[in-house]
C-alpha atoms as a PDB file:
ATOM      1  CA  MET A   1     -65.631 -20.721   5.841  1.00  0.00           C
ATOM      2  CA  ALA A   2     -66.260 -18.231   8.761  1.00  0.00           C
ATOM      3  CA  ILE A   3     -63.023 -19.445  10.279  1.00  0.00           C
ATOM      4  CA  LEU A   4     -61.283 -17.317   7.656  1.00  0.00           C
ATOM      5  CA  ASP A   5     -62.654 -14.068   9.225  1.00  0.00           C
ATOM      6  CA  ALA A   6     -60.014 -14.509  11.946  1.00  0.00           C
ATOM      7  CA  ASP A   7     -56.417 -14.971  11.282  1.00  0.00           C
ATOM      8  CA  GLU A   8     -55.001 -18.561  11.577  1.00  0.00           C
ATOM      9  CA  LYS A   9     -53.006 -17.786  14.784  1.00  0.00           C
ATOM     10  CA  SER A  10     -56.360 -16.767  16.579  1.00  0.00           C
ATOM     11  CA  LEU A  11     -58.135 -19.843  15.219  1.00  0.00           C
ATOM     12  CA  ARG A  12     -55.304 -22.096  16.544  1.00  0.00           C
ATOM     13  CA  ALA A  13     -55.443 -20.391  19.854  1.00  0.00           C
ATOM     14  CA  ARG A  14     -59.275 -20.905  20.279  1.00  0.00           C
ATOM     15  CA  LEU A  15     -58.856 -24.547  19.266  1.00  0.00           C
ATOM     16  CA  ALA A  16     -56.205 -25.082  21.887  1.00  0.00           C
ATOM     17  CA  TYR A  17     -58.345 -23.374  24.417  1.00  0.00           C
ATOM     18  CA  ALA A  18     -61.243 -25.585  23.483  1.00  0.00           C
ATOM     19  CA  ALA A  19     -59.223 -28.617  23.635  1.00  0.00           C
ATOM     20  CA  GLU A  20     -58.006 -27.655  27.070  1.00  0.00           C
ATOM     21  CA  GLN A  21     -61.621 -26.991  28.279  1.00  0.00           C
ATOM     22  CA  PHE A  22     -62.977 -30.189  27.179  1.00  0.00           C
ATOM     23  CA  LYS A  23     -59.828 -32.275  28.199  1.00  0.00           C
ATOM     24  CA  LEU A  24     -59.064 -33.142  24.610  1.00  0.00           C
ATOM     25  CA  SER A  25     -55.765 -33.624  22.791  1.00  0.00           C
ATOM     26  CA  PRO A  26     -54.995 -30.267  21.162  1.00  0.00           C
ATOM     27  CA  GLU A  27     -53.070 -31.898  18.392  1.00  0.00           C
ATOM     28  CA  ASN A  28     -55.913 -34.273  17.710  1.00  0.00           C
ATOM     29  CA  LEU A  29     -58.450 -31.297  17.593  1.00  0.00           C
ATOM     30  CA  GLN A  30     -56.157 -29.197  15.518  1.00  0.00           C
ATOM     31  CA  SER A  31     -55.682 -31.939  13.023  1.00  0.00           C
ATOM     32  CA  ARG A  32     -59.480 -32.271  12.530  1.00  0.00           C
ATOM     33  CA  VAL A  33     -60.069 -28.851  11.293  1.00  0.00           C
ATOM     34  CA  PRO A  34     -59.652 -29.196   7.386  1.00  0.00           C
ATOM     35  CA  VAL A  35     -57.916 -25.737   6.863  1.00  0.00           C
ATOM     36  CA  GLU A  36     -56.527 -26.654   3.431  1.00  0.00           C
ATOM     37  CA  ASP A  37     -59.879 -27.710   2.321  1.00  0.00           C
ATOM     38  CA  VAL A  38     -61.622 -24.625   3.588  1.00  0.00           C
ATOM     39  CA  LEU A  39     -58.904 -22.401   1.843  1.00  0.00           C
ATOM     40  CA  ALA A  40     -59.511 -24.271  -1.500  1.00  0.00           C
ATOM     41  CA  MET A  41     -63.253 -24.052  -1.022  1.00  0.00           C
ATOM     42  CA  ALA A  42     -63.184 -20.209  -0.361  1.00  0.00           C
ATOM     43  CA  VAL A  43     -60.918 -19.670  -3.548  1.00  0.00           C
ATOM     44  CA  ARG A  44     -63.362 -21.743  -5.562  1.00  0.00           C
ATOM     45  CA  SER A  45     -66.445 -19.968  -4.128  1.00  0.00           C
ATOM     46  CA  ARG A  46     -65.878 -16.869  -6.439  1.00  0.00           C
ATOM     47  CA  SER A  47     -66.920 -14.729  -3.592  1.00  0.00           C
ATOM     48  CA  ASN A  48     -64.439 -11.751  -3.562  1.00  0.00           C
ATOM     49  CA  HIS A  49     -64.706 -11.554   0.341  1.00  0.00           C
ATOM     50  CA  TRP A  50     -63.745 -15.314   0.891  1.00  0.00           C
ATOM     51  CA  VAL A  51     -61.137 -15.242  -1.914  1.00  0.00           C
ATOM     52  CA  GLU A  52     -59.521 -12.297  -0.327  1.00  0.00           C
ATOM     53  CA  ARG A  53     -59.549 -13.964   3.168  1.00  0.00           C
ATOM     54  CA  ALA A  54     -58.138 -17.166   1.859  1.00  0.00           C
ATOM     55  CA  VAL A  55     -55.302 -15.439   0.025  1.00  0.00           C
ATOM     56  CA  HIS A  56     -54.273 -13.510   3.072  1.00  0.00           C
ATOM     57  CA  TRP A  57     -54.160 -16.728   5.077  1.00  0.00           C
ATOM     58  CA  MET A  58     -52.152 -18.359   2.410  1.00  0.00           C
ATOM     59  CA  ALA A  59     -49.574 -15.424   2.593  1.00  0.00           C
ATOM     60  CA  GLU A  60     -48.851 -16.518   6.115  1.00  0.00           C
ATOM     61  CA  ARG A  61     -48.162 -20.153   5.579  1.00  0.00           C
ATOM     62  CA  ASP A  62     -46.465 -22.773   3.432  1.00  0.00           C
ATOM     63  CA  ILE A  63     -48.627 -23.201   0.185  1.00  0.00           C
ATOM     64  CA  PRO A  64     -49.303 -26.582  -1.108  1.00  0.00           C
ATOM     65  CA  ARG A  65     -49.115 -27.215  -4.856  1.00  0.00           C
ATOM     66  CA  GLU A  66     -53.029 -27.459  -5.089  1.00  0.00           C
ATOM     67  CA  HIS A  67     -53.221 -24.056  -3.680  1.00  0.00           C
ATOM     68  CA  LEU A  68     -50.428 -22.617  -5.840  1.00  0.00           C
ATOM     69  CA  GLU A  69     -52.650 -23.847  -8.945  1.00  0.00           C
ATOM     70  CA  LEU A  70     -55.546 -22.055  -7.527  1.00  0.00           C
ATOM     71  CA  LEU A  71     -53.483 -18.895  -6.845  1.00  0.00           C
ATOM     72  CA  GLN A  72     -52.194 -19.090 -10.532  1.00  0.00           C
ATOM     73  CA  GLU A  73     -55.881 -19.062 -11.705  1.00  0.00           C
ATOM     74  CA  LEU A  74     -56.772 -16.100  -9.559  1.00  0.00           C
ATOM     75  CA  ALA A  75     -53.837 -14.080 -10.751  1.00  0.00           C
ATOM     76  CA  THR A  76     -55.381 -13.837 -14.170  1.00  0.00           C
ATOM     77  CA  ALA A  77     -59.208 -14.125 -13.214  1.00  0.00           C
ATOM     78  CA  LYS A  78     -61.221 -11.116 -14.269  1.00  0.00           C
ATOM     79  CA  TRP A  79     -63.806 -11.436 -11.526  1.00  0.00           C
ATOM     80  CA  VAL A  80     -61.270 -11.117  -8.638  1.00  0.00           C
ATOM     81  CA  ASN A  81     -60.329  -7.663  -7.573  1.00  0.00           C
ATOM     82  CA  GLN A  82     -57.084  -6.298  -8.605  1.00  0.00           C
ATOM     83  CA  ARG A  83     -55.424  -6.219  -5.239  1.00  0.00           C
ATOM     84  CA  THR A  84     -56.166  -9.881  -4.683  1.00  0.00           C
ATOM     85  CA  ARG A  85     -55.002 -10.767  -8.216  1.00  0.00           C
ATOM     86  CA  HIS A  86     -51.739  -9.107  -7.436  1.00  0.00           C
ATOM     87  CA  ILE A  87     -51.368 -10.740  -4.070  1.00  0.00           C
ATOM     88  CA  ALA A  88     -52.128 -14.025  -5.755  1.00  0.00           C
ATOM     89  CA  MET A  89     -49.423 -13.503  -8.539  1.00  0.00           C
ATOM     90  CA  ARG A  90     -46.718 -12.425  -5.846  1.00  0.00           C
ATOM     91  CA  LEU A  91     -47.401 -15.530  -3.875  1.00  0.00           C
ATOM     92  CA  VAL A  92     -46.932 -17.686  -6.981  1.00  0.00           C
ATOM     93  CA  LYS A  93     -43.836 -15.972  -7.884  1.00  0.00           C
ATOM     94  CA  ALA A  94     -42.452 -16.117  -4.343  1.00  0.00           C
ATOM     95  CA  SER A  95     -42.821 -19.724  -4.222  1.00  0.00           C
ATOM     96  CA  GLY A  96     -40.831 -20.411  -7.344  1.00  0.00           C
ATOM     97  CA  TRP A  97     -43.625 -22.786  -8.553  1.00  0.00           C
ATOM     98  CA  THR A  98     -44.306 -23.105 -12.302  1.00  0.00           C
ATOM     99  CA  GLN A  99     -47.003 -24.947 -13.777  1.00  0.00           C
ATOM    100  CA  GLY A 100     -45.865 -27.941 -15.461  1.00  0.00           C
END
């Protein structure tokens, strides 16, 4: 999950650079990094550090339904710090998603 310590734009730039250095397809390399899975794993880790990093990444991108469900859970989780709960709640509200 250390990839979450940087922002997504930096990660994508580093991957593009690596692809160029090794003469690989940038699109192919980018698609092989399981960002969605890493974000979900970070939220499920129950580590405030990784949860906070994942929520900040999610705030900068389109959020898939699976992540909205995780954010909904975070919005009321007592183990998460208040700031992260509020960001999670704001992201869910901004998406217009409602749990069915």
